Amino acid sequence: MKPIGALTAGLAGERPANLAGLQQGGCIALSNAGRPFVNDLVMLRTLEYAATFGLKVFFYPNEPSLSEGGVAHEGYIASFHGLQGIPWLAETVALSKQLLMVEETGVSAHFSQLTCKSSMDLMRWAKGKGLPVTCDVAMHQLHLTDDNLEGFNANAFVLPPLRSNTDQQALLAGLKDGTVDAICSHHEPLNDTAKKAPFAEATPGISSADTFMALGCQLVRDSVLTNEQLVEKVCLNPAKIAGIEANYEQLGGAVVVDPTLEWTVTRDVMLSKGKNTPFMGQTLMGKGVEVAFNDAFAQTTTY
């Protein structure tokens, strides 16, 4: 396990944590886990502090004053269903500020779970300037939009929210041109009651571990990525971002994927304890085969 340390003491956003101690304890990066800072000066001084130790900072861009209380992308679907919206500005206002502070402090930064077209534009700008930044998007953002909330589908309720088709197409374009460095699972398994409340009162999150590789294989079939690029986005680049060297002996094995294997998403076949997926009942193509190595033999198991 490679821990990410708290950027501020108690994640309260009031003062820097003991960054030197966290680094000595083996933390590979720092984050405030989406929690806000009390003000921009605290964020600036904290990033300066992290930069002096050469520590990477993980951001989850969100401006609380624009997103608080929201449960869906601000647009037609939210309005039609009477749901409080979250504008894309909630993400890009925060992202803009964070990128400017990265430029000022020189801290290395990774931006996680980006969702909208303007975020792709901002990341292209930052990379064009040579800033030490990377970013990822969640797999479900590449396959779902706010249209999937139709009928108050709580299994498609996730934060940050599923956005418009325009945003989705921008994320796919960013994936193809290299603006997006990695794809994360954003796996949030929940118990059965978490999604049974009225939509706005349900718990956000999608259980995505079981469907992750099948949806990745779909990106290859749709010519968004090649097989080699998929491996880069889900394996090699995440390891580079985290500063982890891939070592199969330490991992104890590898995963081989059969991209032609069809399977139907059901409660019985899902390994995750959380069954909260909007893909329930759908037939997907692509499944993993676990290859466990030891000195005597290799054992394979389909999952």
C-alpha atoms as a PDB file:
ATOM      1  CA  MET A   1       0.000   0.000   0.000  1.00  0.00           C
ATOM      2  CA  LYS A   2       1.271   3.452  -0.964  1.00  0.00           C
ATOM      3  CA  PRO A   3      -0.391   6.129   1.222  1.00  0.00           C
ATOM      4  CA  ILE A   4      -1.283   9.687   0.263  1.00  0.00           C
ATOM      5  CA  GLY A   5      -0.840  12.001   3.233  1.00  0.00           C
ATOM      6  CA  ALA A   6      -3.050  14.832   4.466  1.00  0.00           C
ATOM      7  CA  LEU A   7      -2.010  18.159   2.977  1.00  0.00           C
ATOM      8  CA  THR A   8      -3.378  20.120   5.937  1.00  0.00           C
ATOM      9  CA  ALA A   9      -3.629  19.149   9.600  1.00  0.00           C
ATOM     10  CA  GLY A  10      -6.739  17.021  10.061  1.00  0.00           C
ATOM     11  CA  LEU A  11      -7.777  17.951   6.500  1.00  0.00           C
ATOM     12  CA  ALA A  12      -9.232  21.087   8.087  1.00  0.00           C
ATOM     13  CA  GLY A  13      -7.627  23.393   5.519  1.00  0.00           C
ATOM     14  CA  GLU A  14      -6.323  25.747   8.204  1.00  0.00           C
ATOM     15  CA  ARG A  15      -2.588  25.016   8.330  1.00  0.00           C
ATOM     16  CA  PRO A  16      -0.104  22.638   6.690  1.00  0.00           C
ATOM     17  CA  ALA A  17       0.274  19.150   8.086  1.00  0.00           C
ATOM     18  CA  ASN A  18       3.669  17.823   9.176  1.00  0.00           C
ATOM     19  CA  LEU A  19       4.793  17.224   5.594  1.00  0.00           C
ATOM     20  CA  ALA A  20       8.334  16.231   6.529  1.00  0.00           C
ATOM     21  CA  GLY A  21       7.008  13.556   8.866  1.00  0.00           C
ATOM     22  CA  LEU A  22       4.563  12.282   6.263  1.00  0.00           C
ATOM     23  CA  GLN A  23       7.336  11.995   3.711  1.00  0.00           C
ATOM     24  CA  GLN A  24       9.534  10.118   6.155  1.00  0.00           C
ATOM     25  CA  GLY A  25       6.592   7.837   6.895  1.00  0.00           C
ATOM     26  CA  GLY A  26       6.415   6.764   3.253  1.00  0.00           C
ATOM     27  CA  CYS A  27       3.685   8.977   1.782  1.00  0.00           C
ATOM     28  CA  ILE A  28       4.064   9.210  -1.991  1.00  0.00           C
ATOM     29  CA  ALA A  29       1.941  12.357  -2.328  1.00  0.00           C
ATOM     30  CA  LEU A  30      -0.342  14.760  -0.468  1.00  0.00           C
ATOM     31  CA  SER A  31      -3.970  15.734  -0.813  1.00  0.00           C
ATOM     32  CA  ASN A  32      -6.692  17.575   1.031  1.00  0.00           C
ATOM     33  CA  ALA A  33      -9.124  14.926  -0.274  1.00  0.00           C
ATOM     34  CA  GLY A  34     -11.512  17.429  -1.791  1.00  0.00           C
ATOM     35  CA  ARG A  35     -11.833  19.387   1.467  1.00  0.00           C
ATOM     36  CA  PRO A  36     -11.665  23.194   1.086  1.00  0.00           C
ATOM     37  CA  PHE A  37      -8.979  25.527   2.420  1.00  0.00           C
ATOM     38  CA  VAL A  38     -10.074  28.311   4.750  1.00  0.00           C
ATOM     39  CA  ASN A  39      -8.606  30.802   2.290  1.00  0.00           C
ATOM     40  CA  ASP A  40      -6.332  30.994  -0.744  1.00  0.00           C
ATOM     41  CA  LEU A  41      -3.314  32.179   1.257  1.00  0.00           C
ATOM     42  CA  VAL A  42      -3.317  28.952   3.270  1.00  0.00           C
ATOM     43  CA  MET A  43      -3.423  26.948   0.035  1.00  0.00           C
ATOM     44  CA  LEU A  44      -0.565  28.970  -1.452  1.00  0.00           C
ATOM     45  CA  ARG A  45       1.689  28.593   1.610  1.00  0.00           C
ATOM     46  CA  THR A  46       0.870  24.888   1.887  1.00  0.00           C
ATOM     47  CA  LEU A  47       1.782  24.286  -1.763  1.00  0.00           C
ATOM     48  CA  GLU A  48       5.020  26.204  -1.300  1.00  0.00           C
ATOM     49  CA  TYR A  49       5.774  23.965   1.681  1.00  0.00           C
ATOM     50  CA  ALA A  50       5.030  20.790  -0.325  1.00  0.00           C
ATOM     51  CA  ALA A  51       7.233  22.003  -3.181  1.00  0.00           C
ATOM     52  CA  THR A  52      10.240  22.351  -0.866  1.00  0.00           C
ATOM     53  CA  PHE A  53      10.030  18.610  -0.134  1.00  0.00           C
ATOM     54  CA  GLY A  54       9.443  17.648  -3.764  1.00  0.00           C
ATOM     55  CA  LEU A  55       6.086  16.124  -2.848  1.00  0.00           C
ATOM     56  CA  LYS A  56       3.302  15.756  -5.412  1.00  0.00           C
ATOM     57  CA  VAL A  57      -0.137  17.156  -4.572  1.00  0.00           C
ATOM     58  CA  PHE A  58      -3.412  15.517  -5.653  1.00  0.00           C
ATOM     59  CA  PHE A  59      -6.336  17.866  -6.311  1.00  0.00           C
ATOM     60  CA  TYR A  60     -10.044  17.122  -6.707  1.00  0.00           C
ATOM     61  CA  PRO A  61     -11.176  20.472  -8.142  1.00  0.00           C
ATOM     62  CA  ASN A  62     -14.413  21.766  -6.656  1.00  0.00           C
ATOM     63  CA  GLU A  63     -15.564  25.181  -5.500  1.00  0.00           C
ATOM     64  CA  PRO A  64     -17.982  24.451  -2.611  1.00  0.00           C
ATOM     65  CA  SER A  65     -19.824  27.754  -2.889  1.00  0.00           C
ATOM     66  CA  LEU A  66     -20.939  26.709  -6.396  1.00  0.00           C
ATOM     67  CA  SER A  67     -21.586  23.015  -5.778  1.00  0.00           C
ATOM     68  CA  GLU A  68     -23.011  22.799  -2.243  1.00  0.00           C
ATOM     69  CA  GLY A  69     -26.367  21.051  -2.205  1.00  0.00           C
ATOM     70  CA  GLY A  70     -26.165  20.044  -5.851  1.00  0.00           C
ATOM     71  CA  VAL A  71     -26.820  16.474  -6.952  1.00  0.00           C
ATOM     72  CA  ALA A  72     -26.683  16.580 -10.765  1.00  0.00           C
ATOM     73  CA  HIS A  73     -25.093  18.443 -13.650  1.00  0.00           C
ATOM     74  CA  GLU A  74     -26.743  21.835 -14.056  1.00  0.00           C
ATOM     75  CA  GLY A  75     -28.688  21.448 -17.281  1.00  0.00           C
ATOM     76  CA  TYR A  76     -31.929  20.270 -18.838  1.00  0.00           C
ATOM     77  CA  ILE A  77     -32.035  16.872 -17.086  1.00  0.00           C
ATOM     78  CA  ALA A  78     -31.595  18.399 -13.628  1.00  0.00           C
ATOM     79  CA  SER A  79     -34.185  21.092 -14.338  1.00  0.00           C
ATOM     80  CA  PHE A  80     -36.700  18.607 -15.761  1.00  0.00           C
ATOM     81  CA  HIS A  81     -36.390  16.398 -12.669  1.00  0.00           C
ATOM     82  CA  GLY A  82     -36.405  19.301 -10.213  1.00  0.00           C
ATOM     83  CA  LEU A  83     -32.900  18.501  -8.971  1.00  0.00           C
ATOM     84  CA  GLN A  84     -30.431  21.085  -7.712  1.00  0.00           C
ATOM     85  CA  GLY A  85     -27.668  21.429 -10.269  1.00  0.00           C
ATOM     86  CA  ILE A  86     -23.897  21.648 -10.049  1.00  0.00           C
ATOM     87  CA  PRO A  87     -22.500  23.929 -12.775  1.00  0.00           C
ATOM     88  CA  TRP A  88     -19.293  22.997 -14.579  1.00  0.00           C
ATOM     89  CA  LEU A  89     -17.898  26.247 -13.183  1.00  0.00           C
ATOM     90  CA  ALA A  90     -17.705  24.572  -9.758  1.00  0.00           C
ATOM     91  CA  GLU A  91     -14.896  22.466 -11.193  1.00  0.00           C
ATOM     92  CA  THR A  92     -13.185  24.944 -13.500  1.00  0.00           C
ATOM     93  CA  VAL A  93     -13.117  27.872 -11.060  1.00  0.00           C
ATOM     94  CA  ALA A  94     -11.239  25.663  -8.607  1.00  0.00           C
ATOM     95  CA  LEU A  95      -9.056  24.125 -11.324  1.00  0.00           C
ATOM     96  CA  SER A  96      -8.074  27.545 -12.699  1.00  0.00           C
ATOM     97  CA  LYS A  97      -6.982  28.769  -9.291  1.00  0.00           C
ATOM     98  CA  GLN A  98      -5.086  25.579  -8.520  1.00  0.00           C
ATOM     99  CA  LEU A  99      -3.246  25.639 -11.854  1.00  0.00           C
ATOM    100  CA  LEU A 100      -2.166  29.247 -11.286  1.00  0.00           C
ATOM    101  CA  MET A 101      -0.816  28.280  -7.862  1.00  0.00           C
ATOM    102  CA  VAL A 102       1.040  25.346  -9.406  1.00  0.00           C
ATOM    103  CA  GLU A 103       2.614  27.789 -11.841  1.00  0.00           C
ATOM    104  CA  GLU A 104       3.577  30.119  -8.994  1.00  0.00           C
ATOM    105  CA  THR A 105       4.971  27.496  -6.616  1.00  0.00           C
ATOM    106  CA  GLY A 106       6.379  24.917  -9.046  1.00  0.00           C
ATOM    107  CA  VAL A 107       4.757  22.076  -7.071  1.00  0.00           C
ATOM    108  CA  SER A 108       4.042  18.892  -9.028  1.00  0.00           C
ATOM    109  CA  ALA A 109       0.297  18.273  -9.162  1.00  0.00           C
ATOM    110  CA  HIS A 110      -2.198  15.671 -10.301  1.00  0.00           C
ATOM    111  CA  PHE A 111      -5.834  16.602 -10.945  1.00  0.00           C
ATOM    112  CA  SER A 112      -8.283  13.761 -10.440  1.00  0.00           C
ATOM    113  CA  GLN A 113     -11.825  13.029 -11.646  1.00  0.00           C
ATOM    114  CA  LEU A 114     -12.161  15.864 -14.143  1.00  0.00           C
ATOM    115  CA  THR A 115     -15.538  15.949 -15.855  1.00  0.00           C
ATOM    116  CA  CYS A 116     -16.009  18.804 -18.287  1.00  0.00           C
ATOM    117  CA  LYS A 117     -14.886  20.373 -21.567  1.00  0.00           C
ATOM    118  CA  SER A 118     -13.478  23.526 -19.972  1.00  0.00           C
ATOM    119  CA  SER A 119     -11.272  21.418 -17.694  1.00  0.00           C
ATOM    120  CA  MET A 120      -9.772  19.781 -20.779  1.00  0.00           C
ATOM    121  CA  ASP A 121      -9.075  23.231 -22.235  1.00  0.00           C
ATOM    122  CA  LEU A 122      -7.401  24.343 -19.011  1.00  0.00           C
ATOM    123  CA  MET A 123      -5.245  21.213 -18.818  1.00  0.00           C
ATOM    124  CA  ARG A 124      -4.099  21.718 -22.417  1.00  0.00           C
ATOM    125  CA  TRP A 125      -3.136  25.280 -21.522  1.00  0.00           C
ATOM    126  CA  ALA A 126      -1.201  24.131 -18.467  1.00  0.00           C
ATOM    127  CA  LYS A 127       0.626  21.363 -20.301  1.00  0.00           C
ATOM    128  CA  GLY A 128       1.369  23.737 -23.164  1.00  0.00           C
ATOM    129  CA  LYS A 129       3.120  25.988 -20.661  1.00  0.00           C
ATOM    130  CA  GLY A 130       5.154  23.057 -19.403  1.00  0.00           C
ATOM    131  CA  LEU A 131       3.626  22.989 -15.918  1.00  0.00           C
ATOM    132  CA  PRO A 132       4.325  19.792 -13.926  1.00  0.00           C
ATOM    133  CA  VAL A 133       0.742  18.537 -14.083  1.00  0.00           C
ATOM    134  CA  THR A 134      -1.177  15.368 -14.937  1.00  0.00           C
ATOM    135  CA  CYS A 135      -4.855  14.469 -14.773  1.00  0.00           C
ATOM    136  CA  ASP A 136      -7.308  11.595 -14.856  1.00  0.00           C
ATOM    137  CA  VAL A 137     -10.979  11.003 -15.542  1.00  0.00           C
ATOM    138  CA  ALA A 138     -13.268   8.337 -14.110  1.00  0.00           C
ATOM    139  CA  MET A 139     -14.191   5.438 -16.391  1.00  0.00           C
ATOM    140  CA  HIS A 140     -17.922   6.010 -15.942  1.00  0.00           C
ATOM    141  CA  GLN A 141     -17.601   9.616 -17.176  1.00  0.00           C
ATOM    142  CA  LEU A 142     -16.423   8.211 -20.533  1.00  0.00           C
ATOM    143  CA  HIS A 143     -19.515   6.017 -20.955  1.00  0.00           C
ATOM    144  CA  LEU A 144     -22.359   7.819 -19.186  1.00  0.00           C
ATOM    145  CA  THR A 145     -23.897  11.305 -19.262  1.00  0.00           C
ATOM    146  CA  ASP A 146     -26.564  13.095 -17.265  1.00  0.00           C
ATOM    147  CA  ASP A 147     -29.092  11.492 -19.648  1.00  0.00           C
ATOM    148  CA  ASN A 148     -28.572   8.332 -17.589  1.00  0.00           C
ATOM    149  CA  LEU A 149     -30.258  10.065 -14.630  1.00  0.00           C
ATOM    150  CA  GLU A 150     -33.563   9.909 -16.536  1.00  0.00           C
ATOM    151  CA  GLY A 151     -36.294   8.588 -14.292  1.00  0.00           C
ATOM    152  CA  PHE A 152     -34.336   9.425 -11.123  1.00  0.00           C
ATOM    153  CA  ASN A 153     -31.854   6.587 -11.652  1.00  0.00           C
ATOM    154  CA  ALA A 154     -29.961   6.765  -8.357  1.00  0.00           C
ATOM    155  CA  ASN A 155     -27.408   4.191  -9.549  1.00  0.00           C
ATOM    156  CA  ALA A 156     -26.119   6.892 -11.896  1.00  0.00           C
ATOM    157  CA  PHE A 157     -25.864   9.431  -9.051  1.00  0.00           C
ATOM    158  CA  VAL A 158     -22.196  10.210  -8.520  1.00  0.00           C
ATOM    159  CA  LEU A 159     -20.142  13.210  -7.408  1.00  0.00           C
ATOM    160  CA  PRO A 160     -18.666  14.932  -9.304  1.00  0.00           C
ATOM    161  CA  PRO A 161     -21.766  14.480 -11.450  1.00  0.00           C
ATOM    162  CA  LEU A 162     -22.201  12.913 -14.842  1.00  0.00           C
ATOM    163  CA  ARG A 163     -22.179  15.800 -17.275  1.00  0.00           C
ATOM    164  CA  SER A 164     -23.486  16.577 -20.754  1.00  0.00           C
ATOM    165  CA  ASN A 165     -22.798  14.771 -24.008  1.00  0.00           C
ATOM    166  CA  THR A 166     -20.623  17.735 -25.052  1.00  0.00           C
ATOM    167  CA  ASP A 167     -18.495  17.287 -21.939  1.00  0.00           C
ATOM    168  CA  GLN A 168     -18.267  13.530 -22.474  1.00  0.00           C
ATOM    169  CA  GLN A 169     -17.058  13.988 -26.038  1.00  0.00           C
ATOM    170  CA  ALA A 170     -14.438  16.479 -24.803  1.00  0.00           C
ATOM    171  CA  LEU A 171     -13.176  13.946 -22.265  1.00  0.00           C
ATOM    172  CA  LEU A 172     -12.884  11.304 -24.993  1.00  0.00           C
ATOM    173  CA  ALA A 173     -11.006  13.770 -27.198  1.00  0.00           C
ATOM    174  CA  GLY A 174      -8.697  14.572 -24.286  1.00  0.00           C
ATOM    175  CA  LEU A 175      -8.080  10.877 -23.806  1.00  0.00           C
ATOM    176  CA  LYS A 176      -7.177  10.444 -27.470  1.00  0.00           C
ATOM    177  CA  ASP A 177      -4.836  13.429 -27.716  1.00  0.00           C
ATOM    178  CA  GLY A 178      -2.999  12.721 -24.453  1.00  0.00           C
ATOM    179  CA  THR A 179      -4.427  15.571 -22.383  1.00  0.00           C
ATOM    180  CA  VAL A 180      -5.845  12.925 -20.044  1.00  0.00           C
ATOM    181  CA  ASP A 181      -3.017  10.861 -18.589  1.00  0.00           C
ATOM    182  CA  ALA A 182      -4.955   8.163 -16.771  1.00  0.00           C
ATOM    183  CA  ILE A 183      -8.361   6.580 -16.200  1.00  0.00           C
ATOM    184  CA  CYS A 184      -9.409   5.960 -12.603  1.00  0.00           C
ATOM    185  CA  SER A 185     -12.120   3.614 -11.396  1.00  0.00           C
ATOM    186  CA  HIS A 186     -13.655   6.005  -8.834  1.00  0.00           C
ATOM    187  CA  HIS A 187     -14.941   2.803  -7.233  1.00  0.00           C
ATOM    188  CA  GLU A 188     -17.478   3.577  -4.493  1.00  0.00           C
ATOM    189  CA  PRO A 189     -19.287   0.401  -3.386  1.00  0.00           C
ATOM    190  CA  LEU A 190     -22.381   0.996  -1.271  1.00  0.00           C
ATOM    191  CA  ASN A 191     -24.874  -1.164   0.597  1.00  0.00           C
ATOM    192  CA  ASP A 192     -28.313  -1.892  -0.850  1.00  0.00           C
ATOM    193  CA  THR A 193     -30.151   0.779   1.127  1.00  0.00           C
ATOM    194  CA  ALA A 194     -27.864   3.627   0.019  1.00  0.00           C
ATOM    195  CA  LYS A 195     -29.645   4.008  -3.325  1.00  0.00           C
ATOM    196  CA  LYS A 196     -33.229   3.399  -2.188  1.00  0.00           C
ATOM    197  CA  ALA A 197     -33.901   6.883  -0.820  1.00  0.00           C
ATOM    198  CA  PRO A 198     -35.336   9.604  -3.078  1.00  0.00           C
ATOM    199  CA  PHE A 199     -32.668  10.643  -5.595  1.00  0.00           C
ATOM    200  CA  ALA A 200     -31.480  13.807  -3.838  1.00  0.00           C
ATOM    201  CA  GLU A 201     -31.235  11.941  -0.531  1.00  0.00           C
ATOM    202  CA  ALA A 202     -29.498   8.841  -1.904  1.00  0.00           C
ATOM    203  CA  THR A 203     -25.775   8.270  -1.402  1.00  0.00           C
ATOM    204  CA  PRO A 204     -23.645   9.167  -4.429  1.00  0.00           C
ATOM    205  CA  GLY A 205     -21.286   6.571  -5.850  1.00  0.00           C
ATOM    206  CA  ILE A 206     -20.873   3.853  -8.464  1.00  0.00           C
ATOM    207  CA  SER A 207     -19.431   0.401  -7.808  1.00  0.00           C
ATOM    208  CA  SER A 208     -17.093   0.185 -10.778  1.00  0.00           C
ATOM    209  CA  ALA A 209     -14.345  -2.349 -10.110  1.00  0.00           C
ATOM    210  CA  ASP A 210     -16.203  -5.221 -11.800  1.00  0.00           C
ATOM    211  CA  THR A 211     -17.005  -3.292 -14.995  1.00  0.00           C
ATOM    212  CA  PHE A 212     -13.771  -1.310 -15.270  1.00  0.00           C
ATOM    213  CA  MET A 213     -11.878  -3.480 -17.761  1.00  0.00           C
ATOM    214  CA  ALA A 214     -14.934  -4.241 -19.885  1.00  0.00           C
ATOM    215  CA  LEU A 215     -15.578  -0.521 -20.294  1.00  0.00           C
ATOM    216  CA  GLY A 216     -11.889  -0.015 -21.054  1.00  0.00           C
ATOM    217  CA  CYS A 217     -12.100  -2.654 -23.781  1.00  0.00           C
ATOM    218  CA  GLN A 218     -15.091  -0.779 -25.196  1.00  0.00           C
ATOM    219  CA  LEU A 219     -12.876   2.288 -25.631  1.00  0.00           C
ATOM    220  CA  VAL A 220     -10.563   0.177 -27.785  1.00  0.00           C
ATOM    221  CA  ARG A 221     -13.449  -1.179 -29.875  1.00  0.00           C
ATOM    222  CA  ASP A 222     -14.697   2.398 -30.332  1.00  0.00           C
ATOM    223  CA  SER A 223     -11.202   3.401 -31.585  1.00  0.00           C
ATOM    224  CA  VAL A 224     -10.737   5.911 -28.781  1.00  0.00           C
ATOM    225  CA  LEU A 225      -7.603   4.064 -27.628  1.00  0.00           C
ATOM    226  CA  THR A 226      -5.370   1.293 -28.878  1.00  0.00           C
ATOM    227  CA  ASN A 227      -4.693  -1.737 -26.698  1.00  0.00           C
ATOM    228  CA  GLU A 228      -1.285  -0.295 -25.858  1.00  0.00           C
ATOM    229  CA  GLN A 229      -2.765   3.086 -24.932  1.00  0.00           C
ATOM    230  CA  LEU A 230      -5.365   1.428 -22.690  1.00  0.00           C
ATOM    231  CA  VAL A 231      -2.575  -0.296 -20.765  1.00  0.00           C
ATOM    232  CA  GLU A 232      -0.816   3.057 -20.429  1.00  0.00           C
ATOM    233  CA  LYS A 233      -3.937   4.837 -19.156  1.00  0.00           C
ATOM    234  CA  VAL A 234      -4.971   2.224 -16.580  1.00  0.00           C
ATOM    235  CA  CYS A 235      -1.611   0.757 -15.502  1.00  0.00           C
ATOM    236  CA  LEU A 236       1.634   2.390 -16.561  1.00  0.00           C
ATOM    237  CA  ASN A 237       0.720   6.070 -16.291  1.00  0.00           C
ATOM    238  CA  PRO A 238      -0.989   5.741 -12.877  1.00  0.00           C
ATOM    239  CA  ALA A 239       2.175   4.058 -11.589  1.00  0.00           C
ATOM    240  CA  LYS A 240       4.316   6.880 -13.006  1.00  0.00           C
ATOM    241  CA  ILE A 241       2.043   9.532 -11.516  1.00  0.00           C
ATOM    242  CA  ALA A 242       2.321   7.876  -8.113  1.00  0.00           C
ATOM    243  CA  GLY A 243       6.068   7.368  -8.491  1.00  0.00           C
ATOM    244  CA  ILE A 244       5.684   3.603  -8.257  1.00  0.00           C
ATOM    245  CA  GLU A 245       7.850   1.297 -10.328  1.00  0.00           C
ATOM    246  CA  ALA A 246       5.901  -1.647 -11.739  1.00  0.00           C
ATOM    247  CA  ASN A 247       7.327  -4.816 -10.222  1.00  0.00           C
ATOM    248  CA  TYR A 248       5.386  -7.996 -10.929  1.00  0.00           C
ATOM    249  CA  GLU A 249       7.360  -9.986  -8.360  1.00  0.00           C
ATOM    250  CA  GLN A 250       6.245  -7.595  -5.629  1.00  0.00           C
ATOM    251  CA  LEU A 251       2.678  -7.556  -6.935  1.00  0.00           C
ATOM    252  CA  GLY A 252       2.565 -11.342  -6.955  1.00  0.00           C
ATOM    253  CA  GLY A 253       1.142 -11.596 -10.440  1.00  0.00           C
ATOM    254  CA  ALA A 254      -0.449  -9.828 -13.353  1.00  0.00           C
ATOM    255  CA  VAL A 255      -3.823  -9.542 -15.039  1.00  0.00           C
ATOM    256  CA  VAL A 256      -4.515 -10.753 -18.555  1.00  0.00           C
ATOM    257  CA  VAL A 257      -7.690  -9.478 -20.196  1.00  0.00           C
ATOM    258  CA  ASP A 258      -9.830 -11.396 -22.683  1.00  0.00           C
ATOM    259  CA  PRO A 259     -11.428  -8.536 -24.673  1.00  0.00           C
ATOM    260  CA  THR A 260     -13.823 -10.898 -26.501  1.00  0.00           C
ATOM    261  CA  LEU A 261     -15.414 -12.540 -23.469  1.00  0.00           C
ATOM    262  CA  GLU A 262     -19.079 -11.535 -23.150  1.00  0.00           C
ATOM    263  CA  TRP A 263     -20.718 -11.454 -19.735  1.00  0.00           C
ATOM    264  CA  THR A 264     -23.812  -9.980 -18.168  1.00  0.00           C
ATOM    265  CA  VAL A 265     -23.596  -7.715 -15.136  1.00  0.00           C
ATOM    266  CA  THR A 266     -25.621  -9.380 -12.390  1.00  0.00           C
ATOM    267  CA  ARG A 267     -25.468  -9.356  -8.620  1.00  0.00           C
ATOM    268  CA  ASP A 268     -24.234 -12.928  -8.614  1.00  0.00           C
ATOM    269  CA  VAL A 269     -21.195 -12.347 -10.841  1.00  0.00           C
ATOM    270  CA  MET A 270     -20.097  -9.077  -9.230  1.00  0.00           C
ATOM    271  CA  LEU A 271     -17.208  -9.592  -6.823  1.00  0.00           C
ATOM    272  CA  SER A 272     -17.688  -6.214  -5.159  1.00  0.00           C
ATOM    273  CA  LYS A 273     -19.925  -6.170  -2.095  1.00  0.00           C
ATOM    274  CA  GLY A 274     -21.464  -3.023  -3.533  1.00  0.00           C
ATOM    275  CA  LYS A 275     -23.935  -3.744  -6.340  1.00  0.00           C
ATOM    276  CA  ASN A 276     -24.672  -0.080  -7.066  1.00  0.00           C
ATOM    277  CA  THR A 277     -23.941   0.092 -10.786  1.00  0.00           C
ATOM    278  CA  PRO A 278     -25.936   1.675 -13.625  1.00  0.00           C
ATOM    279  CA  PHE A 279     -24.669  -1.165 -15.846  1.00  0.00           C
ATOM    280  CA  MET A 280     -26.660  -3.815 -13.956  1.00  0.00           C
ATOM    281  CA  GLY A 281     -28.310  -6.217 -16.406  1.00  0.00           C
ATOM    282  CA  GLN A 282     -26.211  -5.091 -19.373  1.00  0.00           C
ATOM    283  CA  THR A 283     -24.073  -7.439 -21.414  1.00  0.00           C
ATOM    284  CA  LEU A 284     -20.475  -6.229 -21.624  1.00  0.00           C
ATOM    285  CA  MET A 285     -17.470  -7.568 -23.490  1.00  0.00           C
ATOM    286  CA  GLY A 286     -14.083  -7.960 -21.833  1.00  0.00           C
ATOM    287  CA  LYS A 287     -13.064  -9.698 -18.632  1.00  0.00           C
ATOM    288  CA  GLY A 288      -9.871 -10.318 -16.718  1.00  0.00           C
ATOM    289  CA  VAL A 289      -7.939 -13.475 -16.042  1.00  0.00           C
ATOM    290  CA  GLU A 290      -5.838 -13.303 -12.903  1.00  0.00           C
ATOM    291  CA  VAL A 291      -2.372 -14.830 -13.337  1.00  0.00           C
ATOM    292  CA  ALA A 292      -0.679 -15.609 -10.016  1.00  0.00           C
ATOM    293  CA  PHE A 293       3.029 -16.463 -10.205  1.00  0.00           C
ATOM    294  CA  ASN A 294       5.186 -18.498  -7.874  1.00  0.00           C
ATOM    295  CA  ASP A 295       8.312 -20.613  -8.240  1.00  0.00           C
ATOM    296  CA  ALA A 296       6.468 -23.762  -9.231  1.00  0.00           C
ATOM    297  CA  PHE A 297       3.550 -22.810 -11.484  1.00  0.00           C
ATOM    298  CA  ALA A 298       1.217 -20.129 -12.793  1.00  0.00           C
ATOM    299  CA  GLN A 299      -2.415 -20.384 -11.765  1.00  0.00           C
ATOM    300  CA  THR A 300      -5.123 -18.631 -13.787  1.00  0.00           C
ATOM    301  CA  THR A 301      -8.589 -17.694 -12.641  1.00  0.00           C
ATOM    302  CA  THR A 302     -11.302 -15.983 -14.692  1.00  0.00           C
ATOM    303  CA  TYR A 303     -13.156 -13.225 -12.874  1.00  0.00           C
END
